[in-house]
Amino acid sequence: QVQLVESGGGLVQAGGSLRLSCAASGSIFSINAMGWHRQAPGKQRELVAGISRGGSTNYADSVEGRFTVSRDNAKNTVSLQMNSLKPEDTAVYYCNAEVVNTARALASYWGQGTQVTVPS
């Protein structure tokens, strides 16, 4: 089994910053892509930022230049630094990882989600 545990959400005023972290643990052989998605009330879940094992990144247009995704392959962690937060960034943020487990099977795993609230 593989578990993803997120931390770092909360309430922050517009223009402020938050850092989300996600740690993967369990029967992990290696992790391919990792990333962050978010889901606002009444909306579909969307990709916010992704990062490959080699460090290549991609971002949603709405967060480009404000958010930075990073990872530590040795620790199986991924982080999301969020700056210049806006009310429209309010959502539940989910960590995602494409994990090769110790049986060499590939599967996608999700964290439980962490709430980020930016009041208008």
PDB file of N, CA and C in Angstrom:
ATOM      1  N   GLN A   1       0.826  -1.194   0.000  1.00  0.00           N
ATOM      2  CA  GLN A   1       0.000   0.000   0.000  1.00  0.00           C
ATOM      3  C   GLN A   1       0.859   1.242   0.000  1.00  0.00           C
ATOM      4  N   VAL A   2       0.322   2.294  -0.610  1.00  0.00           N
ATOM      5  CA  VAL A   2       1.014   3.584  -0.667  1.00  0.00           C
ATOM      6  C   VAL A   2       0.080   4.650  -0.106  1.00  0.00           C
ATOM      7  N   GLN A   3       0.622   5.523   0.696  1.00  0.00           N
ATOM      8  CA  GLN A   3      -0.160   6.617   1.259  1.00  0.00           C
ATOM      9  C   GLN A   3       0.494   7.949   0.912  1.00  0.00           C
ATOM     10  N   LEU A   4      -0.351   8.931   0.630  1.00  0.00           N
ATOM     11  CA  LEU A   4       0.102  10.302   0.425  1.00  0.00           C
ATOM     12  C   LEU A   4      -0.533  11.162   1.506  1.00  0.00           C
ATOM     13  N   VAL A   5       0.285  11.904   2.225  1.00  0.00           N
ATOM     14  CA  VAL A   5      -0.214  12.744   3.308  1.00  0.00           C
ATOM     15  C   VAL A   5       0.192  14.184   3.040  1.00  0.00           C
ATOM     16  N   GLU A   6      -0.817  15.055   2.962  1.00  0.00           N
ATOM     17  CA  GLU A   6      -0.587  16.468   2.681  1.00  0.00           C
ATOM     18  C   GLU A   6      -0.596  17.280   3.972  1.00  0.00           C
ATOM     19  N   SER A   7       0.052  18.423   3.903  1.00  0.00           N
ATOM     20  CA  SER A   7       0.025  19.363   5.022  1.00  0.00           C
ATOM     21  C   SER A   7       0.251  20.761   4.482  1.00  0.00           C
ATOM     22  N   GLY A   8      -0.117  21.761   5.288  1.00  0.00           N
ATOM     23  CA  GLY A   8       0.213  23.135   4.943  1.00  0.00           C
ATOM     24  C   GLY A   8      -0.929  23.999   4.484  1.00  0.00           C
ATOM     25  N   GLY A   9      -2.118  23.478   4.383  1.00  0.00           N
ATOM     26  CA  GLY A   9      -3.237  24.319   3.966  1.00  0.00           C
ATOM     27  C   GLY A   9      -3.650  25.274   5.079  1.00  0.00           C
ATOM     28  N   GLY A  10      -4.594  26.146   4.760  1.00  0.00           N
ATOM     29  CA  GLY A  10      -5.078  27.081   5.757  1.00  0.00           C
ATOM     30  C   GLY A  10      -5.748  28.280   5.138  1.00  0.00           C
ATOM     31  N   LEU A  11      -5.938  29.294   5.971  1.00  0.00           N
ATOM     32  CA  LEU A  11      -6.560  30.540   5.526  1.00  0.00           C
ATOM     33  C   LEU A  11      -5.492  31.615   5.435  1.00  0.00           C
ATOM     34  N   VAL A  12      -5.463  32.323   4.332  1.00  0.00           N
ATOM     35  CA  VAL A  12      -4.474  33.376   4.118  1.00  0.00           C
ATOM     36  C   VAL A  12      -5.135  34.520   3.365  1.00  0.00           C
ATOM     37  N   GLN A  13      -4.749  35.728   3.683  1.00  0.00           N
ATOM     38  CA  GLN A  13      -5.306  36.896   3.014  1.00  0.00           C
ATOM     39  C   GLN A  13      -4.788  37.004   1.586  1.00  0.00           C
ATOM     40  N   ALA A  14      -5.564  37.637   0.739  1.00  0.00           N
ATOM     41  CA  ALA A  14      -5.154  37.845  -0.641  1.00  0.00           C
ATOM     42  C   ALA A  14      -3.785  38.534  -0.685  1.00  0.00           C
ATOM     43  N   GLY A  15      -2.941  38.022  -1.562  1.00  0.00           N
ATOM     44  CA  GLY A  15      -1.590  38.525  -1.679  1.00  0.00           C
ATOM     45  C   GLY A  15      -0.581  37.777  -0.831  1.00  0.00           C
ATOM     46  N   GLY A  16      -1.072  36.925   0.040  1.00  0.00           N
ATOM     47  CA  GLY A  16      -0.197  36.172   0.927  1.00  0.00           C
ATOM     48  C   GLY A  16       0.337  34.907   0.281  1.00  0.00           C
ATOM     49  N   SER A  17       1.032  34.121   1.108  1.00  0.00           N
ATOM     50  CA  SER A  17       1.694  32.906   0.626  1.00  0.00           C
ATOM     51  C   SER A  17       1.371  31.722   1.522  1.00  0.00           C
ATOM     52  N   LEU A  18       1.394  30.558   0.922  1.00  0.00           N
ATOM     53  CA  LEU A  18       1.286  29.292   1.643  1.00  0.00           C
ATOM     54  C   LEU A  18       2.187  28.280   0.956  1.00  0.00           C
ATOM     55  N   ARG A  19       2.622  27.309   1.735  1.00  0.00           N
ATOM     56  CA  ARG A  19       3.411  26.212   1.170  1.00  0.00           C
ATOM     57  C   ARG A  19       2.736  24.903   1.537  1.00  0.00           C
ATOM     58  N   LEU A  20       2.396  24.124   0.519  1.00  0.00           N
ATOM     59  CA  LEU A  20       1.823  22.800   0.725  1.00  0.00           C
ATOM     60  C   LEU A  20       2.913  21.747   0.565  1.00  0.00           C
ATOM     61  N   SER A  21       2.821  20.718   1.385  1.00  0.00           N
ATOM     62  CA  SER A  21       3.767  19.615   1.285  1.00  0.00           C
ATOM     63  C   SER A  21       3.004  18.302   1.238  1.00  0.00           C
ATOM     64  N   CYS A  22       3.621  17.319   0.595  1.00  0.00           N
ATOM     65  CA  CYS A  22       3.008  16.000   0.474  1.00  0.00           C
ATOM     66  C   CYS A  22       4.105  14.955   0.577  1.00  0.00           C
ATOM     67  N   ALA A  23       3.903  13.986   1.452  1.00  0.00           N
ATOM     68  CA  ALA A  23       4.870  12.918   1.638  1.00  0.00           C
ATOM     69  C   ALA A  23       4.242  11.585   1.268  1.00  0.00           C
ATOM     70  N   ALA A  24       4.941  10.842   0.434  1.00  0.00           N
ATOM     71  CA  ALA A  24       4.493   9.509   0.044  1.00  0.00           C
ATOM     72  C   ALA A  24       5.234   8.470   0.867  1.00  0.00           C
ATOM     73  N   SER A  25       4.520   7.447   1.282  1.00  0.00           N
ATOM     74  CA  SER A  25       5.142   6.382   2.069  1.00  0.00           C
ATOM     75  C   SER A  25       4.479   5.051   1.740  1.00  0.00           C
ATOM     76  N   GLY A  26       5.146   3.971   2.147  1.00  0.00           N
ATOM     77  CA  GLY A  26       4.589   2.642   1.907  1.00  0.00           C
ATOM     78  C   GLY A  26       5.476   1.829   0.993  1.00  0.00           C
ATOM     79  N   SER A  27       4.842   0.965   0.211  1.00  0.00           N
ATOM     80  CA  SER A  27       5.563   0.017  -0.641  1.00  0.00           C
ATOM     81  C   SER A  27       5.966   0.678  -1.966  1.00  0.00           C
ATOM     82  N   ILE A  28       6.928   1.580  -1.877  1.00  0.00           N
ATOM     83  CA  ILE A  28       7.342   2.381  -3.022  1.00  0.00           C
ATOM     84  C   ILE A  28       8.664   1.887  -3.576  1.00  0.00           C
ATOM     85  N   PHE A  29       8.669   1.602  -4.885  1.00  0.00           N
ATOM     86  CA  PHE A  29       9.928   1.312  -5.574  1.00  0.00           C
ATOM     87  C   PHE A  29      10.480   2.608  -6.172  1.00  0.00           C
ATOM     88  N   SER A  30       9.612   3.331  -6.871  1.00  0.00           N
ATOM     89  CA  SER A  30       9.994   4.627  -7.413  1.00  0.00           C
ATOM     90  C   SER A  30       8.728   5.434  -7.703  1.00  0.00           C
ATOM     91  N   ILE A  31       8.916   6.727  -7.881  1.00  0.00           N
ATOM     92  CA  ILE A  31       7.787   7.603  -8.196  1.00  0.00           C
ATOM     93  C   ILE A  31       8.078   8.335  -9.490  1.00  0.00           C
ATOM     94  N   ASN A  32       7.172   8.255 -10.422  1.00  0.00           N
ATOM     95  CA  ASN A  32       7.310   8.984 -11.680  1.00  0.00           C
ATOM     96  C   ASN A  32       6.808  10.414 -11.470  1.00  0.00           C
ATOM     97  N   ALA A  33       5.768  10.805 -12.178  1.00  0.00           N
ATOM     98  CA  ALA A  33       5.274  12.168 -12.038  1.00  0.00           C
ATOM     99  C   ALA A  33       4.580  12.380 -10.690  1.00  0.00           C
ATOM    100  N   MET A  34       4.702  13.583 -10.189  1.00  0.00           N
ATOM    101  CA  MET A  34       3.973  14.016  -8.995  1.00  0.00           C
ATOM    102  C   MET A  34       3.327  15.356  -9.325  1.00  0.00           C
ATOM    103  N   GLY A  35       2.316  15.695  -8.556  1.00  0.00           N
ATOM    104  CA  GLY A  35       1.692  16.980  -8.853  1.00  0.00           C
ATOM    105  C   GLY A  35       0.624  17.351  -7.860  1.00  0.00           C
ATOM    106  N   TRP A  36       0.055  18.502  -8.140  1.00  0.00           N
ATOM    107  CA  TRP A  36      -1.017  19.051  -7.318  1.00  0.00           C
ATOM    108  C   TRP A  36      -2.212  19.380  -8.197  1.00  0.00           C
ATOM    109  N   HIS A  37      -3.358  18.994  -7.717  1.00  0.00           N
ATOM    110  CA  HIS A  37      -4.629  19.346  -8.339  1.00  0.00           C
ATOM    111  C   HIS A  37      -5.456  20.104  -7.312  1.00  0.00           C
ATOM    112  N   ARG A  38      -6.509  20.761  -7.779  1.00  0.00           N
ATOM    113  CA  ARG A  38      -7.412  21.428  -6.846  1.00  0.00           C
ATOM    114  C   ARG A  38      -8.847  21.330  -7.339  1.00  0.00           C
ATOM    115  N   GLN A  39      -9.734  21.424  -6.374  1.00  0.00           N
ATOM    116  CA  GLN A  39     -11.162  21.389  -6.695  1.00  0.00           C
ATOM    117  C   GLN A  39     -11.887  22.422  -5.862  1.00  0.00           C
ATOM    118  N   ALA A  40     -12.460  23.393  -6.539  1.00  0.00           N
ATOM    119  CA  ALA A  40     -13.259  24.416  -5.884  1.00  0.00           C
ATOM    120  C   ALA A  40     -14.714  23.958  -5.844  1.00  0.00           C
ATOM    121  N   PRO A  41     -15.502  24.494  -4.936  1.00  0.00           N
ATOM    122  CA  PRO A  41     -16.917  24.104  -4.840  1.00  0.00           C
ATOM    123  C   PRO A  41     -17.649  24.288  -6.165  1.00  0.00           C
ATOM    124  N   GLY A  42     -18.337  23.239  -6.603  1.00  0.00           N
ATOM    125  CA  GLY A  42     -19.114  23.312  -7.832  1.00  0.00           C
ATOM    126  C   GLY A  42     -18.306  23.218  -9.105  1.00  0.00           C
ATOM    127  N   LYS A  43     -16.999  22.967  -8.976  1.00  0.00           N
ATOM    128  CA  LYS A  43     -16.147  22.890 -10.161  1.00  0.00           C
ATOM    129  C   LYS A  43     -15.453  21.538 -10.222  1.00  0.00           C
ATOM    130  N   GLN A  44     -14.950  21.214 -11.416  1.00  0.00           N
ATOM    131  CA  GLN A  44     -14.215  19.973 -11.580  1.00  0.00           C
ATOM    132  C   GLN A  44     -12.798  20.114 -11.046  1.00  0.00           C
ATOM    133  N   ARG A  45     -12.228  18.983 -10.668  1.00  0.00           N
ATOM    134  CA  ARG A  45     -10.838  18.982 -10.229  1.00  0.00           C
ATOM    135  C   ARG A  45      -9.957  19.342 -11.419  1.00  0.00           C
ATOM    136  N   GLU A  46      -8.955  20.184 -11.166  1.00  0.00           N
ATOM    137  CA  GLU A  46      -8.068  20.628 -12.238  1.00  0.00           C
ATOM    138  C   GLU A  46      -6.616  20.499 -11.812  1.00  0.00           C
ATOM    139  N   LEU A  47      -5.760  20.290 -12.806  1.00  0.00           N
ATOM    140  CA  LEU A  47      -4.325  20.245 -12.547  1.00  0.00           C
ATOM    141  C   LEU A  47      -3.821  21.647 -12.250  1.00  0.00           C
ATOM    142  N   VAL A  48      -3.059  21.767 -11.185  1.00  0.00           N
ATOM    143  CA  VAL A  48      -2.428  23.039 -10.830  1.00  0.00           C
ATOM    144  C   VAL A  48      -0.980  23.053 -11.292  1.00  0.00           C
ATOM    145  N   ALA A  49      -0.251  22.003 -10.918  1.00  0.00           N
ATOM    146  CA  ALA A  49       1.168  21.930 -11.265  1.00  0.00           C
ATOM    147  C   ALA A  49       1.613  20.487 -11.232  1.00  0.00           C
ATOM    148  N   GLY A  50       2.511  20.143 -12.150  1.00  0.00           N
ATOM    149  CA  GLY A  50       3.064  18.803 -12.183  1.00  0.00           C
ATOM    150  C   GLY A  50       4.569  18.865 -12.306  1.00  0.00           C
ATOM    151  N   ILE A  51       5.224  17.791 -11.864  1.00  0.00           N
ATOM    152  CA  ILE A  51       6.676  17.725 -11.952  1.00  0.00           C
ATOM    153  C   ILE A  51       7.092  16.290 -12.216  1.00  0.00           C
ATOM    154  N   SER A  52       7.972  16.117 -13.192  1.00  0.00           N
ATOM    155  CA  SER A  52       8.468  14.790 -13.515  1.00  0.00           C
ATOM    156  C   SER A  52       9.561  14.375 -12.542  1.00  0.00           C
ATOM    157  N   ARG A  53       9.956  13.120 -12.632  1.00  0.00           N
ATOM    158  CA  ARG A  53      11.034  12.654 -11.758  1.00  0.00           C
ATOM    159  C   ARG A  53      12.327  13.432 -12.026  1.00  0.00           C
ATOM    160  N   GLY A  54      12.503  13.821 -13.264  1.00  0.00           N
ATOM    161  CA  GLY A  54      13.692  14.567 -13.638  1.00  0.00           C
ATOM    162  C   GLY A  54      13.618  16.054 -13.330  1.00  0.00           C
ATOM    163  N   GLY A  55      12.449  16.526 -12.900  1.00  0.00           N
ATOM    164  CA  GLY A  55      12.324  17.921 -12.499  1.00  0.00           C
ATOM    165  C   GLY A  55      11.643  18.828 -13.502  1.00  0.00           C
ATOM    166  N   SER A  56      11.187  18.294 -14.612  1.00  0.00           N
ATOM    167  CA  SER A  56      10.437  19.118 -15.567  1.00  0.00           C
ATOM    168  C   SER A  56       9.082  19.458 -14.967  1.00  0.00           C
ATOM    169  N   THR A  57       8.690  20.726 -15.140  1.00  0.00           N
ATOM    170  CA  THR A  57       7.449  21.191 -14.513  1.00  0.00           C
ATOM    171  C   THR A  57       6.464  21.715 -15.547  1.00  0.00           C
ATOM    172  N   ASN A  58       5.205  21.698 -15.167  1.00  0.00           N
ATOM    173  CA  ASN A  58       4.158  22.328 -15.966  1.00  0.00           C
ATOM    174  C   ASN A  58       3.130  22.913 -15.017  1.00  0.00           C
ATOM    175  N   TYR A  59       2.516  24.007 -15.434  1.00  0.00           N
ATOM    176  CA  TYR A  59       1.592  24.741 -14.579  1.00  0.00           C
ATOM    177  C   TYR A  59       0.322  25.110 -15.337  1.00  0.00           C
ATOM    178  N   ALA A  60      -0.757  25.231 -14.592  1.00  0.00           N
ATOM    179  CA  ALA A  60      -1.970  25.812 -15.148  1.00  0.00           C
ATOM    180  C   ALA A  60      -1.699  27.281 -15.445  1.00  0.00           C
ATOM    181  N   ASP A  61      -2.309  27.780 -16.487  1.00  0.00           N
ATOM    182  CA  ASP A  61      -2.099  29.187 -16.860  1.00  0.00           C
ATOM    183  C   ASP A  61      -2.440  30.120 -15.699  1.00  0.00           C
ATOM    184  N   SER A  62      -3.439  29.750 -14.923  1.00  0.00           N
ATOM    185  CA  SER A  62      -3.921  30.630 -13.863  1.00  0.00           C
ATOM    186  C   SER A  62      -2.944  30.782 -12.709  1.00  0.00           C
ATOM    187  N   VAL A  63      -1.955  29.894 -12.602  1.00  0.00           N
ATOM    188  CA  VAL A  63      -1.010  29.969 -11.486  1.00  0.00           C
ATOM    189  C   VAL A  63       0.420  30.205 -11.952  1.00  0.00           C
ATOM    190  N   GLU A  64       0.646  30.191 -13.263  1.00  0.00           N
ATOM    191  CA  GLU A  64       1.992  30.391 -13.809  1.00  0.00           C
ATOM    192  C   GLU A  64       2.586  31.687 -13.268  1.00  0.00           C
ATOM    193  N   GLY A  65       3.812  31.598 -12.769  1.00  0.00           N
ATOM    194  CA  GLY A  65       4.481  32.779 -12.239  1.00  0.00           C
ATOM    195  C   GLY A  65       4.191  33.068 -10.769  1.00  0.00           C
ATOM    196  N   ARG A  66       3.180  32.413 -10.212  1.00  0.00           N
ATOM    197  CA  ARG A  66       2.854  32.621  -8.791  1.00  0.00           C
ATOM    198  C   ARG A  66       3.139  31.378  -7.950  1.00  0.00           C
ATOM    199  N   PHE A  67       2.960  30.204  -8.542  1.00  0.00           N
ATOM    200  CA  PHE A  67       3.160  28.943  -7.826  1.00  0.00           C
ATOM    201  C   PHE A  67       4.430  28.269  -8.339  1.00  0.00           C
ATOM    202  N   THR A  68       5.089  27.555  -7.439  1.00  0.00           N
ATOM    203  CA  THR A  68       6.277  26.788  -7.799  1.00  0.00           C
ATOM    204  C   THR A  68       6.183  25.400  -7.194  1.00  0.00           C
ATOM    205  N   VAL A  69       6.295  24.384  -8.050  1.00  0.00           N
ATOM    206  CA  VAL A  69       6.271  22.998  -7.577  1.00  0.00           C
ATOM    207  C   VAL A  69       7.705  22.472  -7.520  1.00  0.00           C
ATOM    208  N   SER A  70       7.985  21.672  -6.497  1.00  0.00           N
ATOM    209  CA  SER A  70       9.316  21.082  -6.353  1.00  0.00           C
ATOM    210  C   SER A  70       9.159  19.706  -5.714  1.00  0.00           C
ATOM    211  N   ARG A  71      10.208  18.908  -5.798  1.00  0.00           N
ATOM    212  CA  ARG A  71      10.150  17.567  -5.210  1.00  0.00           C
ATOM    213  C   ARG A  71      11.513  17.151  -4.700  1.00  0.00           C
ATOM    214  N   ASP A  72      11.495  16.221  -3.774  1.00  0.00           N
ATOM    215  CA  ASP A  72      12.718  15.622  -3.244  1.00  0.00           C
ATOM    216  C   ASP A  72      12.589  14.126  -3.481  1.00  0.00           C
ATOM    217  N   ASN A  73      13.294  13.615  -4.458  1.00  0.00           N
ATOM    218  CA  ASN A  73      13.161  12.195  -4.808  1.00  0.00           C
ATOM    219  C   ASN A  73      13.658  11.278  -3.688  1.00  0.00           C
ATOM    220  N   ALA A  74      14.635  11.720  -2.958  1.00  0.00           N
ATOM    221  CA  ALA A  74      15.170  10.890  -1.873  1.00  0.00           C
ATOM    222  C   ALA A  74      14.166  10.734  -0.730  1.00  0.00           C
ATOM    223  N   LYS A  75      13.342  11.754  -0.549  1.00  0.00           N
ATOM    224  CA  LYS A  75      12.373  11.736   0.558  1.00  0.00           C
ATOM    225  C   LYS A  75      10.959  11.423   0.088  1.00  0.00           C
ATOM    226  N   ASN A  76      10.773  11.261  -1.211  1.00  0.00           N
ATOM    227  CA  ASN A  76       9.438  10.997  -1.773  1.00  0.00           C
ATOM    228  C   ASN A  76       8.438  12.087  -1.395  1.00  0.00           C
ATOM    229  N   THR A  77       8.866  13.308  -1.539  1.00  0.00           N
ATOM    230  CA  THR A  77       7.987  14.431  -1.198  1.00  0.00           C
ATOM    231  C   THR A  77       7.833  15.371  -2.389  1.00  0.00           C
ATOM    232  N   VAL A  78       6.722  16.076  -2.402  1.00  0.00           N
ATOM    233  CA  VAL A  78       6.473  17.116  -3.387  1.00  0.00           C
ATOM    234  C   VAL A  78       5.875  18.303  -2.647  1.00  0.00           C
ATOM    235  N   SER A  79       6.255  19.496  -3.058  1.00  0.00           N
ATOM    236  CA  SER A  79       5.787  20.709  -2.395  1.00  0.00           C
ATOM    237  C   SER A  79       5.232  21.687  -3.423  1.00  0.00           C
ATOM    238  N   LEU A  80       4.395  22.579  -2.942  1.00  0.00           N
ATOM    239  CA  LEU A  80       3.836  23.620  -3.793  1.00  0.00           C
ATOM    240  C   LEU A  80       3.930  24.939  -3.041  1.00  0.00           C
ATOM    241  N   GLN A  81       4.784  25.815  -3.505  1.00  0.00           N
ATOM    242  CA  GLN A  81       4.896  27.158  -2.940  1.00  0.00           C
ATOM    243  C   GLN A  81       3.931  28.056  -3.678  1.00  0.00           C
ATOM    244  N   MET A  82       3.008  28.638  -2.934  1.00  0.00           N
ATOM    245  CA  MET A  82       1.964  29.472  -3.537  1.00  0.00           C
ATOM    246  C   MET A  82       2.131  30.899  -3.054  1.00  0.00           C
ATOM    247  N   ASN A  83       2.419  31.791  -3.978  1.00  0.00           N
ATOM    248  CA  ASN A  83       2.592  33.210  -3.664  1.00  0.00           C
ATOM    249  C   ASN A  83       1.505  34.034  -4.343  1.00  0.00           C
ATOM    250  N   SER A  84       1.358  35.250  -3.879  1.00  0.00           N
ATOM    251  CA  SER A  84       0.371  36.178  -4.471  1.00  0.00           C
ATOM    252  C   SER A  84      -0.990  35.519  -4.606  1.00  0.00           C
ATOM    253  N   LEU A  85      -1.428  34.904  -3.534  1.00  0.00           N
ATOM    254  CA  LEU A  85      -2.682  34.145  -3.578  1.00  0.00           C
ATOM    255  C   LEU A  85      -3.880  35.065  -3.816  1.00  0.00           C
ATOM    256  N   LYS A  86      -4.847  34.525  -4.538  1.00  0.00           N
ATOM    257  CA  LYS A  86      -6.057  35.243  -4.908  1.00  0.00           C
ATOM    258  C   LYS A  86      -7.281  34.487  -4.383  1.00  0.00           C
ATOM    259  N   PRO A  87      -8.394  35.174  -4.227  1.00  0.00           N
ATOM    260  CA  PRO A  87      -9.606  34.460  -3.786  1.00  0.00           C
ATOM    261  C   PRO A  87      -9.965  33.285  -4.686  1.00  0.00           C
ATOM    262  N   GLU A  88      -9.679  33.399  -5.971  1.00  0.00           N
ATOM    263  CA  GLU A  88     -10.011  32.300  -6.894  1.00  0.00           C
ATOM    264  C   GLU A  88      -9.109  31.086  -6.725  1.00  0.00           C
ATOM    265  N   ASP A  89      -8.097  31.188  -5.892  1.00  0.00           N
ATOM    266  CA  ASP A  89      -7.264  30.029  -5.567  1.00  0.00           C
ATOM    267  C   ASP A  89      -7.894  29.177  -4.462  1.00  0.00           C
ATOM    268  N   THR A  90      -8.978  29.651  -3.886  1.00  0.00           N
ATOM    269  CA  THR A  90      -9.653  28.892  -2.830  1.00  0.00           C
ATOM    270  C   THR A  90     -10.153  27.561  -3.372  1.00  0.00           C
ATOM    271  N   ALA A  91      -9.740  26.483  -2.723  1.00  0.00           N
ATOM    272  CA  ALA A  91     -10.095  25.139  -3.172  1.00  0.00           C
ATOM    273  C   ALA A  91      -9.524  24.118  -2.200  1.00  0.00           C
ATOM    274  N   VAL A  92      -9.914  22.875  -2.404  1.00  0.00           N
ATOM    275  CA  VAL A  92      -9.227  21.765  -1.753  1.00  0.00           C
ATOM    276  C   VAL A  92      -8.115  21.320  -2.699  1.00  0.00           C
ATOM    277  N   TYR A  93      -6.911  21.255  -2.165  1.00  0.00           N
ATOM    278  CA  TYR A  93      -5.741  20.887  -2.961  1.00  0.00           C
ATOM    279  C   TYR A  93      -5.372  19.434  -2.681  1.00  0.00           C
ATOM    280  N   TYR A  94      -5.158  18.689  -3.766  1.00  0.00           N
ATOM    281  CA  TYR A  94      -4.847  17.275  -3.664  1.00  0.00           C
ATOM    282  C   TYR A  94      -3.473  16.987  -4.262  1.00  0.00           C
ATOM    283  N   CYS A  95      -2.717  16.208  -3.554  1.00  0.00           N
ATOM    284  CA  CYS A  95      -1.446  15.709  -4.045  1.00  0.00           C
ATOM    285  C   CYS A  95      -1.699  14.427  -4.848  1.00  0.00           C
ATOM    286  N   ASN A  96      -0.929  14.246  -5.908  1.00  0.00           N
ATOM    287  CA  ASN A  96      -1.054  13.050  -6.748  1.00  0.00           C
ATOM    288  C   ASN A  96       0.328  12.527  -7.091  1.00  0.00           C
ATOM    289  N   ALA A  97       0.465  11.201  -7.146  1.00  0.00           N
ATOM    290  CA  ALA A  97       1.753  10.604  -7.510  1.00  0.00           C
ATOM    291  C   ALA A  97       1.528   9.344  -8.323  1.00  0.00           C
ATOM    292  N   GLU A  98       2.356   9.188  -9.345  1.00  0.00           N
ATOM    293  CA  GLU A  98       2.368   7.968 -10.163  1.00  0.00           C
ATOM    294  C   GLU A  98       3.461   7.073  -9.595  1.00  0.00           C
ATOM    295  N   VAL A  99       3.058   6.034  -8.883  1.00  0.00           N
ATOM    296  CA  VAL A  99       3.990   5.242  -8.088  1.00  0.00           C
ATOM    297  C   VAL A  99       4.183   3.851  -8.691  1.00  0.00           C
ATOM    298  N   VAL A 100       5.441   3.456  -8.785  1.00  0.00           N
ATOM    299  CA  VAL A 100       5.781   2.064  -9.071  1.00  0.00           C
ATOM    300  C   VAL A 100       6.024   1.401  -7.721  1.00  0.00           C
ATOM    301  N   ASN A 101       5.194   0.423  -7.378  1.00  0.00           N
ATOM    302  CA  ASN A 101       5.349  -0.181  -6.055  1.00  0.00           C
ATOM    303  C   ASN A 101       6.401  -1.277  -6.072  1.00  0.00           C
ATOM    304  N   THR A 102       6.607  -1.895  -4.958  1.00  0.00           N
ATOM    305  CA  THR A 102       7.669  -2.887  -4.831  1.00  0.00           C
ATOM    306  C   THR A 102       7.383  -4.153  -5.639  1.00  0.00           C
ATOM    307  N   ALA A 103       6.156  -4.314  -6.104  1.00  0.00           N
ATOM    308  CA  ALA A 103       5.835  -5.418  -7.006  1.00  0.00           C
ATOM    309  C   ALA A 103       5.968  -5.001  -8.460  1.00  0.00           C
ATOM    310  N   ARG A 104       6.497  -3.776  -8.662  1.00  0.00           N
ATOM    311  CA  ARG A 104       6.742  -3.202  -9.985  1.00  0.00           C
ATOM    312  C   ARG A 104       5.448  -2.898 -10.738  1.00  0.00           C
ATOM    313  N   ALA A 105       4.378  -2.703  -9.997  1.00  0.00           N
ATOM    314  CA  ALA A 105       3.111  -2.298 -10.603  1.00  0.00           C
ATOM    315  C   ALA A 105       2.983  -0.779 -10.495  1.00  0.00           C
ATOM    316  N   LEU A 106       2.457  -0.165 -11.546  1.00  0.00           N
ATOM    317  CA  LEU A 106       2.289   1.293 -11.592  1.00  0.00           C
ATOM    318  C   LEU A 106       0.844   1.646 -11.266  1.00  0.00           C
ATOM    319  N   ALA A 107       0.663   2.608 -10.400  1.00  0.00           N
ATOM    320  CA  ALA A 107      -0.681   3.057 -10.053  1.00  0.00           C
ATOM    321  C   ALA A 107      -0.630   4.522  -9.638  1.00  0.00           C
ATOM    322  N   SER A 108      -1.766   5.168  -9.734  1.00  0.00           N
ATOM    323  CA  SER A 108      -1.888   6.572  -9.346  1.00  0.00           C
ATOM    324  C   SER A 108      -2.508   6.661  -7.960  1.00  0.00           C
ATOM    325  N   TYR A 109      -1.918   7.493  -7.126  1.00  0.00           N
ATOM    326  CA  TYR A 109      -2.394   7.652  -5.760  1.00  0.00           C
ATOM    327  C   TYR A 109      -2.704   9.113  -5.486  1.00  0.00           C
ATOM    328  N   TRP A 110      -3.661   9.313  -4.578  1.00  0.00           N
ATOM    329  CA  TRP A 110      -4.091  10.654  -4.210  1.00  0.00           C
ATOM    330  C   TRP A 110      -4.016  10.848  -2.696  1.00  0.00           C
ATOM    331  N   GLY A 111      -3.712  12.065  -2.302  1.00  0.00           N
ATOM    332  CA  GLY A 111      -3.808  12.415  -0.900  1.00  0.00           C
ATOM    333  C   GLY A 111      -5.243  12.710  -0.524  1.00  0.00           C
ATOM    334  N   GLN A 112      -5.439  13.018   0.762  1.00  0.00           N
ATOM    335  CA  GLN A 112      -6.791  13.225   1.273  1.00  0.00           C
ATOM    336  C   GLN A 112      -7.303  14.633   1.003  1.00  0.00           C
ATOM    337  N   GLY A 113      -6.423  15.519   0.615  1.00  0.00           N
ATOM    338  CA  GLY A 113      -6.807  16.896   0.316  1.00  0.00           C
ATOM    339  C   GLY A 113      -6.573  17.821   1.490  1.00  0.00           C
ATOM    340  N   THR A 114      -6.216  19.054   1.179  1.00  0.00           N
ATOM    341  CA  THR A 114      -6.029  20.074   2.199  1.00  0.00           C
ATOM    342  C   THR A 114      -6.677  21.367   1.715  1.00  0.00           C
ATOM    343  N   GLN A 115      -7.404  22.015   2.608  1.00  0.00           N
ATOM    344  CA  GLN A 115      -8.175  23.201   2.238  1.00  0.00           C
ATOM    345  C   GLN A 115      -7.294  24.441   2.215  1.00  0.00           C
ATOM    346  N   VAL A 116      -7.408  25.200   1.155  1.00  0.00           N
ATOM    347  CA  VAL A 116      -6.776  26.512   1.056  1.00  0.00           C
ATOM    348  C   VAL A 116      -7.899  27.533   0.849  1.00  0.00           C
ATOM    349  N   THR A 117      -7.938  28.529   1.722  1.00  0.00           N
ATOM    350  CA  THR A 117      -8.987  29.546   1.645  1.00  0.00           C
ATOM    351  C   THR A 117      -8.357  30.927   1.589  1.00  0.00           C
ATOM    352  N   VAL A 118      -8.749  31.686   0.571  1.00  0.00           N
ATOM    353  CA  VAL A 118      -8.282  33.055   0.403  1.00  0.00           C
ATOM    354  C   VAL A 118      -9.527  33.935   0.347  1.00  0.00           C
ATOM    355  N   PRO A 119      -9.868  34.603   1.445  1.00  0.00           N
ATOM    356  CA  PRO A 119     -11.103  35.397   1.485  1.00  0.00           C
ATOM    357  C   PRO A 119     -11.052  36.565   0.505  1.00  0.00           C
ATOM    358  N   SER A 120     -12.197  36.893  -0.051  1.00  0.00           N
ATOM    359  CA  SER A 120     -12.262  38.039  -0.966  1.00  0.00           C
ATOM    360  C   SER A 120     -12.522  39.320  -0.208  1.00  0.00           C
TER     361      SER A 120
END
